[in-house]
Amino acid sequence: MIIDEAGGAVEIGGGCVIAPSATLIGPLKIGNNVQIGHGTVIGAPGEHKLYGADWDQVIEIGSDTVIREHVAIHRGVLPKTPDKGSLGRFWGTRIGRGCFIMHGTYVAHDCLIEDDVTLSPGVGLAGHCVVLDGATLGMQAAVHQKVTIGGCAMVGMGATVLHDVPTSAKVVGTPARVIGTNEVGLERNNYDEARMAKIETDFQELRGARPGMKTAYGQIVS
Protein backbone atom coordinates (compact mmCIF):
# COMPACT_ATOMS: atom_id res chain seq x y z
CA MET A 1 0.00 0.00 0.00
CA ILE A 2 1.00 3.65 -0.42
CA ILE A 3 0.97 5.66 2.82
CA ASP A 4 1.35 9.45 2.75
CA GLU A 5 1.84 10.96 6.21
CA ALA A 6 3.05 14.39 5.11
CA GLY A 7 -0.14 15.94 6.50
CA GLY A 8 -0.66 13.65 9.49
CA ALA A 9 -0.42 10.11 10.78
CA VAL A 10 -2.17 7.11 9.27
CA GLU A 11 -3.43 4.84 12.06
CA ILE A 12 -4.48 1.31 11.07
CA GLY A 13 -6.25 -1.04 13.46
CA GLY A 14 -5.63 -4.73 13.89
CA GLY A 15 -6.74 -7.38 11.41
CA CYS A 16 -7.04 -5.02 8.43
CA VAL A 17 -6.49 -6.26 4.87
CA ILE A 18 -5.31 -3.49 2.56
CA ALA A 19 -4.44 -4.00 -1.12
CA PRO A 20 -0.91 -3.08 -2.26
CA SER A 21 -2.18 -0.41 -4.67
CA ALA A 22 -4.44 1.37 -2.16
CA THR A 23 -3.39 4.90 -1.18
CA LEU A 24 -3.91 6.15 2.39
CA ILE A 25 -3.30 9.86 3.09
CA GLY A 26 -3.11 11.13 6.66
CA PRO A 27 -4.44 12.21 9.01
CA LEU A 28 -6.50 9.03 8.85
CA LYS A 29 -7.83 6.62 11.48
CA ILE A 30 -8.89 3.12 10.40
CA GLY A 31 -10.60 0.75 12.82
CA ASN A 32 -10.12 -2.99 13.20
CA ASN A 33 -10.82 -5.64 10.54
CA VAL A 34 -11.27 -3.14 7.70
CA GLN A 35 -10.79 -4.30 4.10
CA ILE A 36 -9.59 -1.84 1.43
CA GLY A 37 -9.37 -2.83 -2.24
CA HIS A 38 -7.00 -2.09 -5.11
CA GLY A 39 -6.85 1.45 -6.46
CA THR A 40 -8.80 3.00 -3.60
CA VAL A 41 -7.66 6.45 -2.41
CA ILE A 42 -8.65 7.63 1.06
CA GLY A 43 -7.74 11.08 2.35
CA ALA A 44 -7.17 13.21 -0.76
CA PRO A 45 -8.16 16.89 -0.36
CA GLY A 46 -11.81 17.69 -0.91
CA GLU A 47 -12.78 19.07 -4.30
CA HIS A 48 -13.97 22.60 -3.60
CA LYS A 49 -13.09 25.89 -5.35
CA LEU A 50 -13.47 28.17 -2.34
CA TYR A 51 -11.70 26.19 0.36
CA GLY A 52 -8.28 24.64 0.47
CA ALA A 53 -7.26 21.42 2.17
CA ASP A 54 -7.47 21.53 5.96
CA TRP A 55 -4.93 18.94 7.02
CA ASP A 56 -6.33 18.90 10.56
CA GLN A 57 -9.40 17.11 9.21
CA VAL A 58 -9.06 13.46 10.22
CA ILE A 59 -11.00 10.90 8.20
CA GLU A 60 -12.34 8.13 10.41
CA ILE A 61 -13.23 4.64 9.13
CA GLY A 62 -15.12 2.38 11.56
CA SER A 63 -14.25 -1.25 12.29
CA ASP A 64 -15.51 -4.15 10.14
CA THR A 65 -16.09 -1.92 7.12
CA VAL A 66 -15.37 -3.18 3.60
CA ILE A 67 -14.19 -0.68 0.98
CA ARG A 68 -13.74 -2.29 -2.43
CA GLU A 69 -11.73 -1.31 -5.52
CA HIS A 70 -11.30 2.21 -6.93
CA VAL A 71 -13.24 4.03 -4.22
CA ALA A 72 -12.46 7.72 -3.55
CA ILE A 73 -13.06 9.19 -0.08
CA HIS A 74 -12.13 12.85 0.37
CA ARG A 75 -11.33 14.76 3.55
CA GLY A 76 -13.32 17.74 4.82
CA VAL A 77 -12.65 21.19 3.41
CA LEU A 78 -14.04 23.54 6.06
CA PRO A 79 -11.98 24.86 8.98
CA LYS A 80 -12.40 22.65 12.01
CA THR A 81 -15.09 24.02 14.32
CA PRO A 82 -17.16 22.52 17.15
CA ASP A 83 -19.89 20.11 16.06
CA LYS A 84 -23.32 21.62 15.55
CA GLY A 85 -25.25 18.61 16.78
CA SER A 86 -24.51 15.09 17.95
CA LEU A 87 -24.07 13.79 14.41
CA GLY A 88 -21.15 16.08 13.59
CA ARG A 89 -23.20 17.11 10.58
CA PHE A 90 -21.25 20.12 9.41
CA TRP A 91 -17.60 19.15 9.02
CA GLY A 92 -15.29 16.21 8.48
CA THR A 93 -15.62 12.90 6.63
CA ARG A 94 -16.61 9.90 8.74
CA ILE A 95 -17.59 6.34 7.91
CA GLY A 96 -19.15 4.11 10.55
CA ARG A 97 -18.84 0.45 11.48
CA GLY A 98 -19.88 -2.48 9.34
CA CYS A 99 -20.35 -0.52 6.11
CA PHE A 100 -20.02 -2.07 2.64
CA ILE A 101 -18.71 0.43 0.08
CA MET A 102 -18.52 -1.15 -3.36
CA HIS A 103 -16.42 -0.61 -6.48
CA GLY A 104 -16.14 2.89 -7.91
CA THR A 105 -18.01 4.74 -5.16
CA TYR A 106 -17.27 8.43 -4.63
CA VAL A 107 -17.60 9.96 -1.15
CA ALA A 108 -17.02 13.73 -1.29
CA HIS A 109 -15.78 16.06 1.42
CA ASP A 110 -17.57 16.38 4.76
CA CYS A 111 -19.84 13.35 4.34
CA LEU A 112 -21.08 11.36 7.31
CA ILE A 113 -21.91 7.70 6.77
CA GLU A 114 -23.27 5.92 9.84
CA ASP A 115 -23.12 2.20 10.68
CA ASP A 116 -24.17 -0.72 8.45
CA VAL A 117 -24.63 1.40 5.32
CA THR A 118 -24.34 -0.19 1.86
CA LEU A 119 -23.16 1.88 -1.12
CA SER A 120 -23.42 -0.10 -4.35
CA PRO A 121 -21.02 0.23 -7.32
CA GLY A 122 -20.81 3.69 -8.82
CA VAL A 123 -22.71 5.57 -6.10
CA GLY A 124 -21.81 9.25 -5.87
CA LEU A 125 -22.25 11.33 -2.71
CA ALA A 126 -21.70 15.08 -3.10
CA GLY A 127 -20.30 17.20 -0.27
CA HIS A 128 -21.94 17.35 3.17
CA CYS A 129 -24.23 14.36 2.60
CA VAL A 130 -25.39 12.24 5.53
CA VAL A 131 -26.37 8.56 5.21
CA LEU A 132 -27.91 7.22 8.40
CA ASP A 133 -27.80 3.71 9.93
CA GLY A 134 -28.62 0.78 7.69
CA ALA A 135 -29.45 2.70 4.50
CA THR A 136 -28.78 1.11 1.10
CA LEU A 137 -28.02 2.97 -2.12
CA GLY A 138 -28.35 1.10 -5.41
CA MET A 139 -25.90 1.10 -8.32
CA GLN A 140 -25.10 4.49 -9.86
CA ALA A 141 -27.35 6.44 -7.49
CA ALA A 142 -26.33 10.12 -7.31
CA VAL A 143 -26.98 12.22 -4.21
CA HIS A 144 -27.03 16.04 -4.28
CA GLN A 145 -24.91 17.98 -1.80
CA LYS A 146 -26.25 18.46 1.75
CA VAL A 147 -28.89 15.74 1.33
CA THR A 148 -29.65 13.29 4.14
CA ILE A 149 -30.61 9.67 3.48
CA GLY A 150 -32.72 8.44 6.38
CA GLY A 151 -31.91 5.31 8.35
CA CYS A 152 -32.82 1.97 6.70
CA ALA A 153 -33.92 3.78 3.55
CA MET A 154 -33.51 2.19 0.11
CA VAL A 155 -32.44 4.29 -2.87
CA GLY A 156 -33.02 2.53 -6.18
CA MET A 157 -30.32 2.09 -8.81
CA GLY A 158 -29.72 5.12 -11.02
CA ALA A 159 -31.82 7.41 -8.83
CA THR A 160 -31.02 11.13 -8.68
CA VAL A 161 -31.62 12.22 -5.10
CA LEU A 162 -32.21 15.96 -4.84
CA HIS A 163 -34.05 16.06 -1.48
CA ASP A 164 -33.82 14.32 1.87
CA VAL A 165 -35.08 10.74 2.02
CA PRO A 166 -37.21 9.93 5.10
CA THR A 167 -36.45 7.10 7.51
CA SER A 168 -37.09 3.59 6.06
CA ALA A 169 -38.47 5.03 2.80
CA LYS A 170 -37.96 3.44 -0.62
CA VAL A 171 -37.21 5.92 -3.42
CA VAL A 172 -36.64 5.56 -7.17
CA GLY A 173 -36.34 7.68 -10.27
CA THR A 174 -35.01 11.02 -11.48
CA PRO A 175 -35.68 13.03 -9.46
CA ALA A 176 -36.09 10.40 -6.75
CA ARG A 177 -39.58 10.01 -5.27
CA VAL A 178 -40.96 7.87 -2.46
CA ILE A 179 -42.82 4.77 -3.60
CA GLY A 180 -43.19 2.97 -0.28
CA THR A 181 -41.47 1.60 2.80
CA ASN A 182 -38.26 -0.43 2.73
CA GLU A 183 -39.93 -3.48 4.24
CA VAL A 184 -37.24 -5.86 3.02
CA GLY A 185 -34.50 -3.82 4.67
CA LEU A 186 -36.38 -3.57 7.94
CA GLU A 187 -36.97 -7.33 8.00
CA ARG A 188 -33.46 -8.25 6.90
CA ASN A 189 -31.79 -6.04 9.51
CA ASN A 190 -34.19 -7.17 12.24
CA TYR A 191 -34.15 -3.71 13.80
CA ASP A 192 -35.71 -3.53 17.22
CA GLU A 193 -37.83 -0.61 18.39
CA ALA A 194 -34.91 1.05 20.16
CA ARG A 195 -32.76 1.17 17.05
CA MET A 196 -35.61 2.39 14.85
CA ALA A 197 -36.33 5.12 17.40
CA LYS A 198 -32.68 6.16 17.30
CA ILE A 199 -32.72 6.27 13.49
CA GLU A 200 -35.85 8.42 13.47
CA THR A 201 -34.42 10.73 16.13
CA ASP A 202 -31.28 11.26 14.04
CA PHE A 203 -33.36 12.12 10.99
CA GLN A 204 -35.57 14.54 12.89
CA GLU A 205 -32.51 16.21 14.42
CA LEU A 206 -31.15 16.89 10.97
CA ARG A 207 -34.51 18.25 9.84
CA GLY A 208 -34.49 20.60 12.80
CA ALA A 209 -30.99 21.77 11.93
CA ARG A 210 -32.09 22.79 8.44
CA PRO A 211 -35.57 24.39 8.54
CA GLY A 212 -37.32 24.58 5.19
CA MET A 213 -35.59 21.55 3.71
CA LYS A 214 -37.56 19.49 1.25
CA THR A 215 -37.98 15.72 1.43
CA ALA A 216 -38.51 13.22 -1.35
CA TYR A 217 -42.19 13.23 -0.38
CA GLY A 218 -42.26 16.76 -1.77
CA GLN A 219 -43.03 18.26 1.63
CA ILE A 220 -41.48 21.44 2.92
CA VAL A 221 -40.45 21.01 6.53
CA SER A 222 -41.23 24.06 8.66
C-alpha atoms as a PDB file:
ATOM      1  CA  MET A   1       0.000   0.000   0.000  1.00  0.00           C
ATOM      2  CA  ILE A   2       1.000   3.649  -0.418  1.00  0.00           C
ATOM      3  CA  ILE A   3       0.969   5.656   2.821  1.00  0.00           C
ATOM      4  CA  ASP A   4       1.350   9.454   2.745  1.00  0.00           C
ATOM      5  CA  GLU A   5       1.840  10.961   6.212  1.00  0.00           C
ATOM      6  CA  ALA A   6       3.050  14.391   5.111  1.00  0.00           C
ATOM      7  CA  GLY A   7      -0.143  15.938   6.502  1.00  0.00           C
ATOM      8  CA  GLY A   8      -0.661  13.650   9.488  1.00  0.00           C
ATOM      9  CA  ALA A   9      -0.423  10.107  10.782  1.00  0.00           C
ATOM     10  CA  VAL A  10      -2.173   7.110   9.271  1.00  0.00           C
ATOM     11  CA  GLU A  11      -3.433   4.841  12.062  1.00  0.00           C
ATOM     12  CA  ILE A  12      -4.477   1.312  11.067  1.00  0.00           C
ATOM     13  CA  GLY A  13      -6.248  -1.045  13.460  1.00  0.00           C
ATOM     14  CA  GLY A  14      -5.632  -4.733  13.890  1.00  0.00           C
ATOM     15  CA  GLY A  15      -6.735  -7.375  11.409  1.00  0.00           C
ATOM     16  CA  CYS A  16      -7.040  -5.016   8.430  1.00  0.00           C
ATOM     17  CA  VAL A  17      -6.492  -6.265   4.870  1.00  0.00           C
ATOM     18  CA  ILE A  18      -5.309  -3.490   2.556  1.00  0.00           C
ATOM     19  CA  ALA A  19      -4.441  -4.000  -1.119  1.00  0.00           C
ATOM     20  CA  PRO A  20      -0.910  -3.079  -2.261  1.00  0.00           C
ATOM     21  CA  SER A  21      -2.180  -0.406  -4.671  1.00  0.00           C
ATOM     22  CA  ALA A  22      -4.443   1.367  -2.160  1.00  0.00           C
ATOM     23  CA  THR A  23      -3.393   4.901  -1.177  1.00  0.00           C
ATOM     24  CA  LEU A  24      -3.907   6.154   2.385  1.00  0.00           C
ATOM     25  CA  ILE A  25      -3.300   9.855   3.092  1.00  0.00           C
ATOM     26  CA  GLY A  26      -3.110  11.131   6.663  1.00  0.00           C
ATOM     27  CA  PRO A  27      -4.445  12.209   9.011  1.00  0.00           C
ATOM     28  CA  LEU A  28      -6.504   9.027   8.847  1.00  0.00           C
ATOM     29  CA  LYS A  29      -7.826   6.617  11.482  1.00  0.00           C
ATOM     30  CA  ILE A  30      -8.893   3.124  10.399  1.00  0.00           C
ATOM     31  CA  GLY A  31     -10.602   0.751  12.822  1.00  0.00           C
ATOM     32  CA  ASN A  32     -10.121  -2.993  13.197  1.00  0.00           C
ATOM     33  CA  ASN A  33     -10.818  -5.638  10.535  1.00  0.00           C
ATOM     34  CA  VAL A  34     -11.272  -3.144   7.699  1.00  0.00           C
ATOM     35  CA  GLN A  35     -10.791  -4.299   4.097  1.00  0.00           C
ATOM     36  CA  ILE A  36      -9.592  -1.837   1.434  1.00  0.00           C
ATOM     37  CA  GLY A  37      -9.368  -2.828  -2.235  1.00  0.00           C
ATOM     38  CA  HIS A  38      -6.999  -2.087  -5.112  1.00  0.00           C
ATOM     39  CA  GLY A  39      -6.847   1.450  -6.456  1.00  0.00           C
ATOM     40  CA  THR A  40      -8.797   3.001  -3.602  1.00  0.00           C
ATOM     41  CA  VAL A  41      -7.664   6.447  -2.415  1.00  0.00           C
ATOM     42  CA  ILE A  42      -8.653   7.635   1.062  1.00  0.00           C
ATOM     43  CA  GLY A  43      -7.738  11.083   2.353  1.00  0.00           C
ATOM     44  CA  ALA A  44      -7.175  13.209  -0.757  1.00  0.00           C
ATOM     45  CA  PRO A  45      -8.162  16.885  -0.356  1.00  0.00           C
ATOM     46  CA  GLY A  46     -11.813  17.685  -0.907  1.00  0.00           C
ATOM     47  CA  GLU A  47     -12.784  19.070  -4.295  1.00  0.00           C
ATOM     48  CA  HIS A  48     -13.965  22.604  -3.601  1.00  0.00           C
ATOM     49  CA  LYS A  49     -13.086  25.885  -5.350  1.00  0.00           C
ATOM     50  CA  LEU A  50     -13.467  28.168  -2.336  1.00  0.00           C
ATOM     51  CA  TYR A  51     -11.695  26.186   0.363  1.00  0.00           C
ATOM     52  CA  GLY A  52      -8.275  24.636   0.467  1.00  0.00           C
ATOM     53  CA  ALA A  53      -7.257  21.418   2.171  1.00  0.00           C
ATOM     54  CA  ASP A  54      -7.465  21.532   5.957  1.00  0.00           C
ATOM     55  CA  TRP A  55      -4.933  18.944   7.017  1.00  0.00           C
ATOM     56  CA  ASP A  56      -6.332  18.898  10.556  1.00  0.00           C
ATOM     57  CA  GLN A  57      -9.398  17.112   9.212  1.00  0.00           C
ATOM     58  CA  VAL A  58      -9.058  13.461  10.223  1.00  0.00           C
ATOM     59  CA  ILE A  59     -10.997  10.902   8.196  1.00  0.00           C
ATOM     60  CA  GLU A  60     -12.339   8.129  10.409  1.00  0.00           C
ATOM     61  CA  ILE A  61     -13.228   4.636   9.134  1.00  0.00           C
ATOM     62  CA  GLY A  62     -15.116   2.379  11.559  1.00  0.00           C
ATOM     63  CA  SER A  63     -14.254  -1.245  12.292  1.00  0.00           C
ATOM     64  CA  ASP A  64     -15.513  -4.146  10.140  1.00  0.00           C
ATOM     65  CA  THR A  65     -16.091  -1.915   7.122  1.00  0.00           C
ATOM     66  CA  VAL A  66     -15.375  -3.183   3.599  1.00  0.00           C
ATOM     67  CA  ILE A  67     -14.187  -0.679   0.976  1.00  0.00           C
ATOM     68  CA  ARG A  68     -13.735  -2.286  -2.430  1.00  0.00           C
ATOM     69  CA  GLU A  69     -11.734  -1.313  -5.523  1.00  0.00           C
ATOM     70  CA  HIS A  70     -11.299   2.211  -6.935  1.00  0.00           C
ATOM     71  CA  VAL A  71     -13.237   4.032  -4.221  1.00  0.00           C
ATOM     72  CA  ALA A  72     -12.457   7.722  -3.550  1.00  0.00           C
ATOM     73  CA  ILE A  73     -13.061   9.187  -0.077  1.00  0.00           C
ATOM     74  CA  HIS A  74     -12.130  12.848   0.371  1.00  0.00           C
ATOM     75  CA  ARG A  75     -11.334  14.756   3.549  1.00  0.00           C
ATOM     76  CA  GLY A  76     -13.323  17.735   4.819  1.00  0.00           C
ATOM     77  CA  VAL A  77     -12.651  21.188   3.413  1.00  0.00           C
ATOM     78  CA  LEU A  78     -14.042  23.538   6.058  1.00  0.00           C
ATOM     79  CA  PRO A  79     -11.979  24.865   8.980  1.00  0.00           C
ATOM     80  CA  LYS A  80     -12.404  22.652  12.006  1.00  0.00           C
ATOM     81  CA  THR A  81     -15.094  24.018  14.322  1.00  0.00           C
ATOM     82  CA  PRO A  82     -17.155  22.516  17.151  1.00  0.00           C
ATOM     83  CA  ASP A  83     -19.886  20.112  16.064  1.00  0.00           C
ATOM     84  CA  LYS A  84     -23.323  21.623  15.553  1.00  0.00           C
ATOM     85  CA  GLY A  85     -25.248  18.614  16.781  1.00  0.00           C
ATOM     86  CA  SER A  86     -24.508  15.095  17.951  1.00  0.00           C
ATOM     87  CA  LEU A  87     -24.075  13.793  14.411  1.00  0.00           C
ATOM     88  CA  GLY A  88     -21.153  16.081  13.590  1.00  0.00           C
ATOM     89  CA  ARG A  89     -23.199  17.113  10.584  1.00  0.00           C
ATOM     90  CA  PHE A  90     -21.250  20.121   9.408  1.00  0.00           C
ATOM     91  CA  TRP A  91     -17.600  19.151   9.019  1.00  0.00           C
ATOM     92  CA  GLY A  92     -15.294  16.209   8.481  1.00  0.00           C
ATOM     93  CA  THR A  93     -15.616  12.903   6.634  1.00  0.00           C
ATOM     94  CA  ARG A  94     -16.606   9.898   8.737  1.00  0.00           C
ATOM     95  CA  ILE A  95     -17.593   6.344   7.912  1.00  0.00           C
ATOM     96  CA  GLY A  96     -19.147   4.113  10.549  1.00  0.00           C
ATOM     97  CA  ARG A  97     -18.836   0.447  11.482  1.00  0.00           C
ATOM     98  CA  GLY A  98     -19.876  -2.480   9.337  1.00  0.00           C
ATOM     99  CA  CYS A  99     -20.352  -0.521   6.112  1.00  0.00           C
ATOM    100  CA  PHE A 100     -20.024  -2.068   2.636  1.00  0.00           C
ATOM    101  CA  ILE A 101     -18.714   0.426   0.084  1.00  0.00           C
ATOM    102  CA  MET A 102     -18.516  -1.148  -3.358  1.00  0.00           C
ATOM    103  CA  HIS A 103     -16.421  -0.613  -6.477  1.00  0.00           C
ATOM    104  CA  GLY A 104     -16.137   2.891  -7.910  1.00  0.00           C
ATOM    105  CA  THR A 105     -18.008   4.736  -5.159  1.00  0.00           C
ATOM    106  CA  TYR A 106     -17.266   8.432  -4.627  1.00  0.00           C
ATOM    107  CA  VAL A 107     -17.595   9.961  -1.148  1.00  0.00           C
ATOM    108  CA  ALA A 108     -17.016  13.725  -1.294  1.00  0.00           C
ATOM    109  CA  HIS A 109     -15.780  16.060   1.423  1.00  0.00           C
ATOM    110  CA  ASP A 110     -17.575  16.378   4.758  1.00  0.00           C
ATOM    111  CA  CYS A 111     -19.838  13.345   4.341  1.00  0.00           C
ATOM    112  CA  LEU A 112     -21.077  11.362   7.314  1.00  0.00           C
ATOM    113  CA  ILE A 113     -21.913   7.696   6.771  1.00  0.00           C
ATOM    114  CA  GLU A 114     -23.268   5.917   9.835  1.00  0.00           C
ATOM    115  CA  ASP A 115     -23.118   2.196  10.681  1.00  0.00           C
ATOM    116  CA  ASP A 116     -24.174  -0.725   8.450  1.00  0.00           C
ATOM    117  CA  VAL A 117     -24.631   1.399   5.319  1.00  0.00           C
ATOM    118  CA  THR A 118     -24.343  -0.189   1.862  1.00  0.00           C
ATOM    119  CA  LEU A 119     -23.163   1.881  -1.116  1.00  0.00           C
ATOM    120  CA  SER A 120     -23.424  -0.104  -4.348  1.00  0.00           C
ATOM    121  CA  PRO A 121     -21.021   0.232  -7.319  1.00  0.00           C
ATOM    122  CA  GLY A 122     -20.807   3.690  -8.817  1.00  0.00           C
ATOM    123  CA  VAL A 123     -22.710   5.566  -6.101  1.00  0.00           C
ATOM    124  CA  GLY A 124     -21.808   9.254  -5.869  1.00  0.00           C
ATOM    125  CA  LEU A 125     -22.245  11.329  -2.712  1.00  0.00           C
ATOM    126  CA  ALA A 126     -21.700  15.080  -3.096  1.00  0.00           C
ATOM    127  CA  GLY A 127     -20.296  17.201  -0.273  1.00  0.00           C
ATOM    128  CA  HIS A 128     -21.937  17.352   3.174  1.00  0.00           C
ATOM    129  CA  CYS A 129     -24.234  14.356   2.598  1.00  0.00           C
ATOM    130  CA  VAL A 130     -25.391  12.235   5.527  1.00  0.00           C
ATOM    131  CA  VAL A 131     -26.367   8.564   5.209  1.00  0.00           C
ATOM    132  CA  LEU A 132     -27.913   7.224   8.401  1.00  0.00           C
ATOM    133  CA  ASP A 133     -27.800   3.715   9.928  1.00  0.00           C
ATOM    134  CA  GLY A 134     -28.624   0.779   7.688  1.00  0.00           C
ATOM    135  CA  ALA A 135     -29.452   2.701   4.500  1.00  0.00           C
ATOM    136  CA  THR A 136     -28.779   1.110   1.100  1.00  0.00           C
ATOM    137  CA  LEU A 137     -28.021   2.973  -2.118  1.00  0.00           C
ATOM    138  CA  GLY A 138     -28.348   1.104  -5.413  1.00  0.00           C
ATOM    139  CA  MET A 139     -25.904   1.104  -8.315  1.00  0.00           C
ATOM    140  CA  GLN A 140     -25.096   4.494  -9.862  1.00  0.00           C
ATOM    141  CA  ALA A 141     -27.348   6.444  -7.488  1.00  0.00           C
ATOM    142  CA  ALA A 142     -26.330  10.116  -7.314  1.00  0.00           C
ATOM    143  CA  VAL A 143     -26.982  12.223  -4.205  1.00  0.00           C
ATOM    144  CA  HIS A 144     -27.027  16.039  -4.275  1.00  0.00           C
ATOM    145  CA  GLN A 145     -24.912  17.978  -1.800  1.00  0.00           C
ATOM    146  CA  LYS A 146     -26.249  18.464   1.747  1.00  0.00           C
ATOM    147  CA  VAL A 147     -28.886  15.742   1.333  1.00  0.00           C
ATOM    148  CA  THR A 148     -29.653  13.295   4.144  1.00  0.00           C
ATOM    149  CA  ILE A 149     -30.614   9.673   3.480  1.00  0.00           C
ATOM    150  CA  GLY A 150     -32.724   8.443   6.384  1.00  0.00           C
ATOM    151  CA  GLY A 151     -31.910   5.307   8.346  1.00  0.00           C
ATOM    152  CA  CYS A 152     -32.815   1.974   6.703  1.00  0.00           C
ATOM    153  CA  ALA A 153     -33.919   3.785   3.553  1.00  0.00           C
ATOM    154  CA  MET A 154     -33.514   2.187   0.115  1.00  0.00           C
ATOM    155  CA  VAL A 155     -32.436   4.289  -2.866  1.00  0.00           C
ATOM    156  CA  GLY A 156     -33.018   2.531  -6.184  1.00  0.00           C
ATOM    157  CA  MET A 157     -30.318   2.089  -8.810  1.00  0.00           C
ATOM    158  CA  GLY A 158     -29.720   5.117 -11.021  1.00  0.00           C
ATOM    159  CA  ALA A 159     -31.819   7.407  -8.828  1.00  0.00           C
ATOM    160  CA  THR A 160     -31.017  11.125  -8.681  1.00  0.00           C
ATOM    161  CA  VAL A 161     -31.617  12.217  -5.095  1.00  0.00           C
ATOM    162  CA  LEU A 162     -32.211  15.956  -4.838  1.00  0.00           C
ATOM    163  CA  HIS A 163     -34.052  16.058  -1.481  1.00  0.00           C
ATOM    164  CA  ASP A 164     -33.822  14.317   1.872  1.00  0.00           C
ATOM    165  CA  VAL A 165     -35.085  10.736   2.021  1.00  0.00           C
ATOM    166  CA  PRO A 166     -37.212   9.926   5.104  1.00  0.00           C
ATOM    167  CA  THR A 167     -36.449   7.095   7.509  1.00  0.00           C
ATOM    168  CA  SER A 168     -37.093   3.587   6.062  1.00  0.00           C
ATOM    169  CA  ALA A 169     -38.471   5.030   2.801  1.00  0.00           C
ATOM    170  CA  LYS A 170     -37.959   3.443  -0.620  1.00  0.00           C
ATOM    171  CA  VAL A 171     -37.210   5.924  -3.420  1.00  0.00           C
ATOM    172  CA  VAL A 172     -36.640   5.557  -7.173  1.00  0.00           C
ATOM    173  CA  GLY A 173     -36.339   7.682 -10.275  1.00  0.00           C
ATOM    174  CA  THR A 174     -35.013  11.017 -11.477  1.00  0.00           C
ATOM    175  CA  PRO A 175     -35.684  13.032  -9.460  1.00  0.00           C
ATOM    176  CA  ALA A 176     -36.093  10.403  -6.746  1.00  0.00           C
ATOM    177  CA  ARG A 177     -39.578  10.005  -5.272  1.00  0.00           C
ATOM    178  CA  VAL A 178     -40.958   7.875  -2.459  1.00  0.00           C
ATOM    179  CA  ILE A 179     -42.820   4.767  -3.602  1.00  0.00           C
ATOM    180  CA  GLY A 180     -43.194   2.965  -0.276  1.00  0.00           C
ATOM    181  CA  THR A 181     -41.468   1.600   2.800  1.00  0.00           C
ATOM    182  CA  ASN A 182     -38.261  -0.429   2.726  1.00  0.00           C
ATOM    183  CA  GLU A 183     -39.926  -3.477   4.242  1.00  0.00           C
ATOM    184  CA  VAL A 184     -37.237  -5.860   3.017  1.00  0.00           C
ATOM    185  CA  GLY A 185     -34.498  -3.819   4.674  1.00  0.00           C
ATOM    186  CA  LEU A 186     -36.375  -3.572   7.935  1.00  0.00           C
ATOM    187  CA  GLU A 187     -36.970  -7.325   8.001  1.00  0.00           C
ATOM    188  CA  ARG A 188     -33.459  -8.246   6.899  1.00  0.00           C
ATOM    189  CA  ASN A 189     -31.791  -6.043   9.514  1.00  0.00           C
ATOM    190  CA  ASN A 190     -34.193  -7.168  12.245  1.00  0.00           C
ATOM    191  CA  TYR A 191     -34.147  -3.709  13.803  1.00  0.00           C
ATOM    192  CA  ASP A 192     -35.711  -3.531  17.225  1.00  0.00           C
ATOM    193  CA  GLU A 193     -37.835  -0.615  18.395  1.00  0.00           C
ATOM    194  CA  ALA A 194     -34.914   1.052  20.165  1.00  0.00           C
ATOM    195  CA  ARG A 195     -32.756   1.170  17.053  1.00  0.00           C
ATOM    196  CA  MET A 196     -35.614   2.386  14.850  1.00  0.00           C
ATOM    197  CA  ALA A 197     -36.327   5.121  17.404  1.00  0.00           C
ATOM    198  CA  LYS A 198     -32.679   6.162  17.298  1.00  0.00           C
ATOM    199  CA  ILE A 199     -32.720   6.269  13.494  1.00  0.00           C
ATOM    200  CA  GLU A 200     -35.851   8.415  13.468  1.00  0.00           C
ATOM    201  CA  THR A 201     -34.418  10.732  16.131  1.00  0.00           C
ATOM    202  CA  ASP A 202     -31.283  11.256  14.044  1.00  0.00           C
ATOM    203  CA  PHE A 203     -33.359  12.125  10.986  1.00  0.00           C
ATOM    204  CA  GLN A 204     -35.571  14.535  12.891  1.00  0.00           C
ATOM    205  CA  GLU A 205     -32.515  16.206  14.416  1.00  0.00           C
ATOM    206  CA  LEU A 206     -31.146  16.886  10.971  1.00  0.00           C
ATOM    207  CA  ARG A 207     -34.505  18.246   9.838  1.00  0.00           C
ATOM    208  CA  GLY A 208     -34.492  20.599  12.797  1.00  0.00           C
ATOM    209  CA  ALA A 209     -30.989  21.771  11.926  1.00  0.00           C
ATOM    210  CA  ARG A 210     -32.088  22.786   8.438  1.00  0.00           C
ATOM    211  CA  PRO A 211     -35.573  24.389   8.537  1.00  0.00           C
ATOM    212  CA  GLY A 212     -37.319  24.580   5.195  1.00  0.00           C
ATOM    213  CA  MET A 213     -35.588  21.554   3.708  1.00  0.00           C
ATOM    214  CA  LYS A 214     -37.557  19.492   1.251  1.00  0.00           C
ATOM    215  CA  THR A 215     -37.981  15.725   1.427  1.00  0.00           C
ATOM    216  CA  ALA A 216     -38.505  13.216  -1.352  1.00  0.00           C
ATOM    217  CA  TYR A 217     -42.189  13.234  -0.379  1.00  0.00           C
ATOM    218  CA  GLY A 218     -42.256  16.763  -1.775  1.00  0.00           C
ATOM    219  CA  GLN A 219     -43.030  18.255   1.635  1.00  0.00           C
ATOM    220  CA  ILE A 220     -41.479  21.445   2.916  1.00  0.00           C
ATOM    221  CA  VAL A 221     -40.449  21.011   6.532  1.00  0.00           C
ATOM    222  CA  SER A 222     -41.229  24.056   8.658  1.00  0.00           C
END
